[in-house]
Protein backbone atom coordinates (compact mmCIF):
# COMPACT_ATOMS: atom_id res chain seq x y z
CA UNK A 1 -13.49 -107.06 -68.78
CA UNK A 2 -14.46 -107.61 -65.22
CA UNK A 3 -11.40 -105.72 -63.99
CA UNK A 4 -12.24 -102.72 -66.14
CA UNK A 5 -15.75 -102.47 -64.70
CA UNK A 6 -14.34 -102.65 -61.19
CA UNK A 7 -11.97 -99.76 -61.90
CA UNK A 8 -14.86 -97.66 -63.16
CA UNK A 9 -16.82 -98.29 -59.95
CA UNK A 10 -13.85 -97.26 -57.77
CA UNK A 11 -13.32 -94.14 -59.87
CA UNK A 12 -16.95 -93.09 -59.53
CA UNK A 13 -16.81 -93.68 -55.73
CA UNK A 14 -13.71 -91.55 -55.36
CA UNK A 15 -15.29 -88.79 -57.42
CA UNK A 16 -18.40 -88.69 -55.20
CA UNK A 17 -16.26 -88.45 -51.98
CA UNK A 18 -14.35 -85.27 -52.84
CA UNK A 19 -13.91 -82.50 -50.07
CA UNK A 20 -14.60 -78.70 -49.97
CA UNK A 21 -13.12 -76.61 -52.65
CA UNK A 22 -10.86 -73.70 -51.69
CA UNK A 23 -13.62 -71.22 -52.56
CA UNK A 24 -16.12 -73.02 -50.33
CA UNK A 25 -13.64 -73.15 -47.46
CA UNK A 26 -12.84 -69.43 -47.83
CA UNK A 27 -16.55 -68.53 -47.77
CA UNK A 28 -17.12 -70.68 -44.68
CA UNK A 29 -14.19 -69.11 -42.83
CA UNK A 30 -15.36 -65.62 -43.79
CA UNK A 31 -18.89 -66.28 -42.51
CA UNK A 32 -17.46 -67.73 -39.29
CA UNK A 33 -15.23 -64.71 -38.76
CA UNK A 34 -18.08 -62.28 -39.37
CA UNK A 35 -20.35 -64.09 -36.91
CA UNK A 36 -17.49 -64.47 -34.42
CA UNK A 37 -16.59 -60.79 -34.65
CA UNK A 38 -20.21 -59.81 -34.07
CA UNK A 39 -20.40 -62.15 -31.08
CA UNK A 40 -17.15 -60.82 -29.64
CA UNK A 41 -18.31 -57.23 -30.13
CA UNK A 42 -21.56 -58.03 -28.34
CA UNK A 43 -19.67 -59.80 -25.57
CA UNK A 44 -17.25 -56.91 -25.19
CA UNK A 45 -20.12 -54.44 -24.96
CA UNK A 46 -21.88 -56.46 -22.27
CA UNK A 47 -18.62 -57.12 -20.41
CA UNK A 48 -18.06 -53.37 -20.26
CA UNK A 49 -21.61 -52.85 -18.98
CA UNK A 50 -21.10 -55.62 -16.41
CA UNK A 51 -17.85 -54.05 -15.18
CA UNK A 52 -19.53 -50.65 -15.04
CA UNK A 53 -22.38 -52.05 -12.96
CA UNK A 54 -19.94 -53.85 -10.65
CA UNK A 55 -17.95 -50.65 -10.05
CA UNK A 56 -21.11 -48.67 -9.30
CA UNK A 57 -22.58 -51.38 -7.06
CA UNK A 58 -19.29 -51.56 -5.16
CA UNK A 59 -19.26 -47.78 -4.80
CA UNK A 60 -22.84 -47.72 -3.51
CA UNK A 61 -22.16 -50.47 -0.98
CA UNK A 62 -18.99 -48.71 0.17
CA UNK A 63 -20.81 -45.40 0.75
CA UNK A 64 -23.69 -47.08 2.56
CA UNK A 65 -21.38 -49.03 4.84
CA UNK A 66 -19.40 -45.88 5.66
CA UNK A 67 -22.56 -43.93 6.50
CA UNK A 68 -23.88 -46.80 8.62
CA UNK A 69 -20.62 -46.82 10.60
CA UNK A 70 -20.76 -43.05 11.13
CA UNK A 71 -24.44 -43.16 12.05
CA UNK A 72 -23.77 -45.73 14.76
CA UNK A 73 -20.91 -43.68 16.19
CA UNK A 74 -22.76 -40.35 16.04
CA UNK A 75 -25.93 -41.69 17.65
CA UNK A 76 -23.84 -42.86 20.60
CA UNK A 77 -21.61 -39.78 20.78
CA UNK A 78 -21.14 -38.78 24.39
CA UNK A 79 -23.01 -41.71 25.91
CA UNK A 80 -21.36 -43.30 28.91
CA UNK A 81 -20.78 -40.05 30.80
CA UNK A 82 -23.66 -40.76 33.13
CA UNK A 83 -23.31 -42.28 36.58
CA UNK A 84 -25.05 -41.77 39.88
CA UNK A 85 -22.96 -38.74 40.80
CA UNK A 86 -22.21 -37.29 37.38
CA UNK A 87 -25.44 -36.62 35.52
CA UNK A 88 -23.95 -34.30 32.92
CA UNK A 89 -25.18 -33.77 29.36
CA UNK A 90 -23.74 -30.62 27.88
CA UNK A 91 -20.46 -29.21 26.58
CA UNK A 92 -18.06 -30.81 25.81
CA UNK A 93 -20.01 -34.00 25.36
CA UNK A 94 -20.98 -35.06 21.86
CA UNK A 95 -19.59 -33.91 18.53
CA UNK A 96 -17.09 -31.42 17.18
CA UNK A 97 -17.18 -30.32 13.55
CA UNK A 98 -14.47 -28.61 11.57
CA UNK A 99 -15.84 -27.24 8.31
CA UNK A 100 -13.42 -26.51 5.51
CA UNK A 101 -15.00 -23.68 3.57
CA UNK A 102 -12.12 -23.42 1.08
CA UNK A 103 -12.69 -24.61 -2.44
CA UNK A 104 -11.89 -23.90 -6.06
CA UNK A 105 -8.52 -24.86 -7.48
CA UNK A 106 -7.01 -25.31 -4.01
CA UNK A 107 -9.42 -28.21 -3.54
CA UNK A 108 -9.65 -29.76 -7.00
CA UNK A 109 -7.33 -28.60 -9.80
CA UNK A 110 -9.23 -28.29 -13.05
CA UNK A 111 -9.04 -31.21 -15.50
CA UNK A 112 -7.57 -33.56 -12.93
CA UNK A 113 -8.62 -36.49 -10.75
CA UNK A 114 -6.83 -34.98 -7.74
CA UNK A 115 -8.54 -33.80 -4.55
CA UNK A 116 -6.77 -32.16 -1.61
CA UNK A 117 -7.49 -31.91 2.12
CA UNK A 118 -9.07 -28.47 1.68
CA UNK A 119 -12.07 -30.18 0.08
CA UNK A 120 -13.19 -32.05 3.16
CA UNK A 121 -14.65 -31.51 6.64
CA UNK A 122 -13.68 -33.35 9.83
CA UNK A 123 -16.02 -34.91 12.37
CA UNK A 124 -14.81 -35.74 15.89
CA UNK A 125 -16.90 -37.65 18.41
CA UNK A 126 -16.01 -36.92 22.02
CA UNK A 127 -16.76 -40.07 23.97
CA UNK A 128 -15.42 -41.44 27.26
CA UNK A 129 -13.11 -44.42 27.25
CA UNK A 130 -15.43 -47.31 28.17
CA UNK A 131 -12.55 -49.19 29.77
CA UNK A 132 -11.69 -46.44 32.27
CA UNK A 133 -13.90 -45.15 35.12
CA UNK A 134 -13.97 -41.40 35.81
CA UNK A 135 -12.01 -40.07 38.77
CA UNK A 136 -13.29 -37.44 41.18
CA UNK A 137 -11.21 -34.35 41.86
CA UNK A 138 -9.58 -34.64 45.28
CA UNK A 139 -8.10 -31.82 47.36
CA UNK A 140 -6.59 -32.78 50.72
CA UNK A 141 -8.14 -33.44 53.13
CA UNK A 142 -10.86 -34.26 50.63
CA UNK A 143 -13.63 -32.04 51.95
CA UNK A 144 -16.16 -31.47 49.14
CA UNK A 145 -16.40 -27.91 47.94
CA UNK A 146 -14.70 -25.13 46.04
CA UNK A 147 -13.06 -23.30 48.94
CA UNK A 148 -9.65 -24.68 47.91
CA UNK A 149 -10.08 -25.79 44.29
CA UNK A 150 -7.52 -27.71 42.29
CA UNK A 151 -6.22 -25.95 39.19
CA UNK A 152 -4.91 -27.21 35.87
CA UNK A 153 -2.34 -24.39 35.72
CA UNK A 154 -2.12 -20.65 35.24
CA UNK A 155 0.81 -19.93 32.95
CA UNK A 156 0.36 -22.31 30.04
CA UNK A 157 3.94 -23.54 30.50
CA UNK A 158 5.60 -26.32 32.44
CA UNK A 159 3.61 -29.10 34.06
CA UNK A 160 0.71 -29.25 36.46
CA UNK A 161 -0.69 -32.01 38.65
CA UNK A 162 -4.06 -33.04 40.02
CA UNK A 163 -5.10 -35.80 42.40
CA UNK A 164 -8.19 -37.84 41.57
CA UNK A 165 -9.98 -40.28 43.85
CA UNK A 166 -11.85 -43.48 42.96
CA UNK A 167 -15.56 -43.48 43.79
CA UNK A 168 -16.87 -46.83 45.08
CA UNK A 169 -17.15 -49.40 43.72
CA UNK A 170 -14.28 -48.14 41.54
CA UNK A 171 -10.83 -48.89 42.94
CA UNK A 172 -7.48 -47.15 42.64
CA UNK A 173 -6.21 -50.07 40.55
CA UNK A 174 -9.07 -49.57 38.07
CA UNK A 175 -8.21 -45.89 37.68
CA UNK A 176 -4.64 -46.88 36.81
CA UNK A 177 -5.33 -50.02 34.76
CA UNK A 178 -8.95 -49.73 33.67
CA UNK A 179 -11.53 -52.46 33.58
CA UNK A 180 -9.52 -54.35 30.98
CA UNK A 181 -6.21 -54.26 29.12
CA UNK A 182 -5.60 -50.93 27.40
CA UNK A 183 -7.64 -48.89 29.86
CA UNK A 184 -6.78 -46.63 32.75
CA UNK A 185 -5.19 -43.20 33.19
CA UNK A 186 -1.80 -43.76 31.57
CA UNK A 187 0.92 -41.74 29.86
CA UNK A 188 -0.47 -40.31 26.61
CA UNK A 189 -4.12 -40.48 27.72
CA UNK A 190 -6.27 -37.54 26.71
CA UNK A 191 -8.44 -36.40 29.60
CA UNK A 192 -11.19 -33.85 30.07
CA UNK A 193 -11.62 -32.02 33.37
CA UNK A 194 -15.32 -31.39 33.99
CA UNK A 195 -16.61 -28.75 36.38
CA UNK A 196 -20.27 -29.32 37.18
CA UNK A 197 -21.88 -25.91 37.52
CA UNK A 198 -25.45 -24.80 38.19
CA UNK A 199 -25.87 -23.52 34.64
CA UNK A 200 -24.02 -26.25 32.79
CA UNK A 201 -20.44 -27.46 32.68
CA UNK A 202 -17.02 -25.89 32.25
CA UNK A 203 -13.99 -27.87 31.16
CA UNK A 204 -10.47 -28.08 29.85
CA UNK A 205 -8.39 -30.90 28.48
CA UNK A 206 -4.87 -32.30 28.73
CA UNK A 207 -2.55 -35.09 27.65
CA UNK A 208 -1.09 -37.02 30.57
CA UNK A 209 2.68 -37.24 30.90
CA UNK A 210 2.53 -39.35 34.08
CA UNK A 211 0.01 -41.17 36.30
CA UNK A 212 0.93 -42.83 39.58
CA UNK A 213 -0.54 -44.12 42.82
CA UNK A 214 -0.74 -41.58 45.64
CA UNK A 215 -2.04 -43.11 48.84
CA UNK A 216 -5.40 -44.52 47.86
CA UNK A 217 -5.70 -42.00 45.01
CA UNK A 218 -4.03 -41.30 41.65
CA UNK A 219 -1.74 -38.37 40.84
CA UNK A 220 -1.99 -37.08 37.26
CA UNK A 221 0.73 -34.98 35.59
CA UNK A 222 0.18 -33.01 32.36
CA UNK A 223 1.05 -29.80 30.54
CA UNK A 224 -0.24 -26.75 32.40
CA UNK A 225 -3.11 -24.70 31.01
CA UNK A 226 -3.51 -20.94 31.19
CA UNK A 227 -5.61 -19.44 33.99
CA UNK A 228 -8.68 -19.27 31.71
CA UNK A 229 -8.49 -22.99 30.89
CA UNK A 230 -7.10 -22.59 27.37
CA UNK A 231 -4.12 -24.56 26.14
CA UNK A 232 -1.28 -22.74 24.38
CA UNK A 233 -0.65 -25.49 21.81
CA UNK A 234 -2.51 -28.37 20.22
CA UNK A 235 -0.01 -30.84 21.69
CA UNK A 236 -2.09 -30.78 24.89
CA UNK A 237 -5.38 -30.87 23.02
CA UNK A 238 -5.47 -32.97 19.82
CA UNK A 239 -9.23 -32.42 19.60
CA UNK A 240 -8.60 -28.67 19.39
CA UNK A 241 -11.33 -27.90 21.91
CA UNK A 242 -9.29 -25.51 24.03
CA UNK A 243 -6.30 -24.23 22.04
CA UNK A 244 -5.84 -20.50 22.47
CA UNK A 245 -5.56 -19.76 18.76
CA UNK A 246 -8.86 -21.42 17.88
CA UNK A 247 -11.21 -20.75 20.80
CA UNK A 248 -13.54 -17.80 20.34
CA UNK A 249 -12.64 -15.39 23.19
CA UNK A 250 -16.33 -14.69 23.73
CA UNK A 251 -16.91 -18.37 24.58
CA UNK A 252 -14.07 -18.92 27.03
CA UNK A 253 -15.92 -17.77 30.15
CA UNK A 254 -18.93 -19.97 29.38
CA UNK A 255 -17.07 -23.12 28.34
CA UNK A 256 -13.59 -23.25 29.90
CA UNK A 257 -12.03 -23.05 33.36
CA UNK A 258 -8.84 -24.06 35.15
CA UNK A 259 -10.51 -24.40 38.56
CA UNK A 260 -12.07 -27.67 39.80
CA UNK A 261 -13.87 -28.45 43.04
CA UNK A 262 -13.08 -31.29 45.42
CA UNK A 263 -15.66 -34.06 45.66
CA UNK A 264 -17.98 -32.71 42.94
CA UNK A 265 -15.92 -32.34 39.75
CA UNK A 266 -14.53 -35.05 37.51
CA UNK A 267 -11.64 -36.11 35.30
CA UNK A 268 -12.63 -38.37 32.41
CA UNK A 269 -10.39 -40.23 30.00
CA UNK A 270 -11.70 -39.81 26.47
CA UNK A 271 -11.42 -42.14 23.50
CA UNK A 272 -12.26 -39.77 20.65
CA UNK A 273 -13.30 -41.03 17.24
CA UNK A 274 -12.37 -38.89 14.26
CA UNK A 275 -13.62 -39.12 10.69
CA UNK A 276 -11.48 -37.40 8.08
CA UNK A 277 -10.31 -37.85 4.49
CA UNK A 278 -6.74 -38.97 3.99
CA UNK A 279 -5.34 -37.35 0.83
CA UNK A 280 -1.80 -38.73 1.09
CA UNK A 281 -2.57 -40.41 -2.22
CA UNK A 282 -4.17 -37.50 -4.04
CA UNK A 283 -5.78 -39.72 -6.68
CA UNK A 284 -7.43 -41.88 -4.02
CA UNK A 285 -8.86 -39.75 -1.17
CA UNK A 286 -9.82 -42.21 1.55
CA UNK A 287 -12.41 -41.69 4.29
CA UNK A 288 -10.65 -42.73 7.49
CA UNK A 289 -11.86 -43.53 10.99
CA UNK A 290 -9.29 -42.89 13.71
CA UNK A 291 -9.73 -44.33 17.20
CA UNK A 292 -7.06 -44.64 19.89
CA UNK A 293 -4.53 -43.32 17.40
CA UNK A 294 -5.20 -46.11 14.90
CA UNK A 295 -6.29 -45.14 11.38
CA UNK A 296 -8.80 -47.44 9.67
CA UNK A 297 -9.80 -46.67 6.06
CA UNK A 298 -13.52 -47.25 5.56
CA UNK A 299 -14.18 -45.94 2.01
CA UNK A 300 -11.86 -45.18 -0.90
CA UNK A 301 -12.24 -42.71 -3.78
CA UNK A 302 -14.15 -40.16 -1.69
CA UNK A 303 -14.38 -36.75 -3.38
CA UNK A 304 -16.90 -35.11 -1.05
CA UNK A 305 -17.28 -35.21 2.76
CA UNK A 306 -19.33 -32.40 4.28
CA UNK A 307 -20.86 -32.06 7.74
CA UNK A 308 -23.74 -29.71 8.45
CA UNK A 309 -25.31 -29.06 11.84
CA UNK A 310 -28.72 -27.91 12.97
CA UNK A 311 -28.92 -26.29 16.42
CA UNK A 312 -31.38 -26.57 19.26
CA UNK A 313 -34.84 -25.05 19.40
CA UNK A 314 -36.41 -25.02 22.87
CA UNK A 315 -40.18 -24.72 23.25
CA UNK A 316 -40.47 -23.28 19.77
CA UNK A 317 -37.94 -20.52 20.49
CA UNK A 318 -34.65 -20.60 18.63
CA UNK A 319 -31.53 -20.41 20.75
CA UNK A 320 -29.04 -17.75 19.65
CA UNK A 321 -28.18 -18.29 16.00
CA UNK A 322 -30.43 -21.34 15.75
CA UNK A 323 -32.39 -22.36 12.71
CA UNK A 324 -33.99 -25.40 11.13
CA UNK A 325 -31.42 -25.10 8.34
CA UNK A 326 -28.03 -26.81 8.42
CA UNK A 327 -24.87 -24.77 8.91
CA UNK A 328 -21.67 -25.72 7.07
CA UNK A 329 -19.36 -23.24 8.80
CA UNK A 330 -19.11 -24.03 12.50
CA UNK A 331 -17.10 -20.88 13.22
CA UNK A 332 -19.63 -18.48 11.70
CA UNK A 333 -21.97 -16.40 13.85
CA UNK A 334 -24.44 -15.81 11.01
CA UNK A 335 -27.68 -17.75 11.39
CA UNK A 336 -28.06 -20.71 11.23
CA UNK A 337 -24.47 -21.12 12.42
CA UNK A 338 -23.47 -21.49 16.05
CA UNK A 339 -19.98 -20.03 16.62
CA UNK A 340 -18.41 -23.37 17.62
CA UNK A 341 -20.95 -23.89 20.43
CA UNK A 342 -21.17 -27.60 19.82
CA UNK A 343 -23.43 -28.23 22.82
CA UNK A 344 -26.15 -26.45 20.82
CA UNK A 345 -26.10 -29.10 18.09
CA UNK A 346 -29.10 -31.40 17.96
CA UNK A 347 -28.85 -32.84 14.46
CA UNK A 348 -26.08 -33.30 11.93
CA UNK A 349 -26.22 -33.98 8.20
CA UNK A 350 -23.42 -36.13 6.77
CA UNK A 351 -22.93 -36.02 3.00
CA UNK A 352 -20.59 -38.31 1.07
CA UNK A 353 -19.67 -38.24 -2.61
CA UNK A 354 -17.71 -41.14 -4.03
CA UNK A 355 -16.42 -42.09 -7.45
CA UNK A 356 -15.42 -45.17 -9.38
CA UNK A 357 -11.64 -45.48 -9.97
CA UNK A 358 -10.32 -42.78 -12.33
CA UNK A 359 -9.52 -43.45 -16.00
CA UNK A 360 -11.46 -46.69 -16.43
CA UNK A 361 -13.96 -45.10 -18.81
CA UNK A 362 -11.52 -43.80 -21.42
CA UNK A 363 -12.92 -44.73 -24.85
CA UNK A 364 -15.49 -46.90 -23.10
CA UNK A 365 -18.16 -46.03 -25.63
CA UNK A 366 -16.97 -46.37 -29.21
CA UNK A 367 -20.14 -44.70 -30.49
CA UNK A 368 -19.63 -41.54 -28.42
CA UNK A 369 -18.09 -38.52 -30.09
CA UNK A 370 -16.03 -37.81 -26.96
CA UNK A 371 -14.74 -39.73 -23.97
CA UNK A 372 -17.24 -40.20 -21.09
CA UNK A 373 -17.30 -37.30 -18.62
CA UNK A 374 -19.52 -36.90 -15.55
CA UNK A 375 -21.46 -33.71 -14.86
CA UNK A 376 -19.96 -33.16 -11.38
CA UNK A 377 -16.34 -32.36 -12.21
CA UNK A 378 -16.12 -33.31 -15.87
CA UNK A 379 -13.85 -36.31 -15.30
CA UNK A 380 -13.99 -39.83 -16.70
CA UNK A 381 -15.50 -41.65 -13.74
CA UNK A 382 -18.99 -42.28 -12.40
CA UNK A 383 -20.03 -40.63 -9.13
CA UNK A 384 -22.64 -41.28 -6.45
CA UNK A 385 -23.77 -39.15 -3.52
CA UNK A 386 -25.51 -40.24 -0.32
CA UNK A 387 -26.39 -38.39 2.86
CA UNK A 388 -28.00 -39.08 6.21
CA UNK A 389 -29.33 -37.03 9.10
CA UNK A 390 -28.40 -38.21 12.59
CA UNK A 391 -29.50 -36.97 16.01
CA UNK A 392 -26.85 -37.56 18.69
CA UNK A 393 -29.15 -38.88 21.39
CA UNK A 394 -26.99 -37.71 24.29
CA UNK A 395 -27.29 -34.08 23.12
CA UNK A 396 -30.98 -34.42 22.28
CA UNK A 397 -31.68 -35.56 25.84
CA UNK A 398 -30.93 -32.00 27.01
CA UNK A 399 -34.23 -30.77 25.62
């Protein structure tokens, strides 16, 4: 009897300890999956927004850093040309702008993420090499004056030579080796010959093929210019300041010469800085800074790089072709343009347009009827545009 009662107690205990039924378990799993799916959907939405914000923040920082770098370079364009005997502040010192006025399908094929070089301008900053002192033109026996000037050539073929002298405390060794490693007048150096005139400066440029000691002076060898100071090919003028094909004939007499005076004129080694957009990878145009022949990318995914210039106004009177507006065609003579007279520039406007990487927004918004497309070129990436206005202080000091 006692055993029977014990069995009943055990049976009732086991009955009260039963687990979930299959229906209960199915309902629980279903509820969990619904809640989990909602949570994952919410997470995915916010993850997409987070990635979007990160791309746009990165783009903004990249554009700002690029503009800050250019602003620093432009503000200082041409500084360092001054010394006690060479107080010059006019052409060719400062900036050179090449505007690309082409556009349309040659720049950006419709319905593509591709941009070509015809979309972008180029900005060159003509600055002296800080590691190399200027040399003074020397004509034996070294008597100052223009009675027997030195020339950079007359035929535009072959080679030409010029002797330059160090001006104390500069030494011959410093002309050849500079103030530090990497300086000095050496093979491959780009130099500008500067004639200091009463109404401004005249110049030409060359690439050195040899530089050697000559007594206490330095003998430079380079490709000969023509008798008007122009260079027949760009190989002697990478900055394209003096090439025959690109210099306005009307400007040659007021900007170029092949004749340089002993004891008053100068030869300066330049270390130009160039900003341009590298389109070797057409889906990733990259803003590039080139100095001493070394290319340094400073911003990727650039789809707009334009340079405008505003010219000088003296005492309220506009200089020829001058205006408060910005010109985006340096070669034009129509106001406010300036016919490549870069010494007239007093302010430049740099505009950059960048984008997030292409194709990351495909189907990014499941509630949209179509894929995301921006209003600039209709493609599936976000864009940002920034611009700054910079006054090259060395040019502004002319006024």
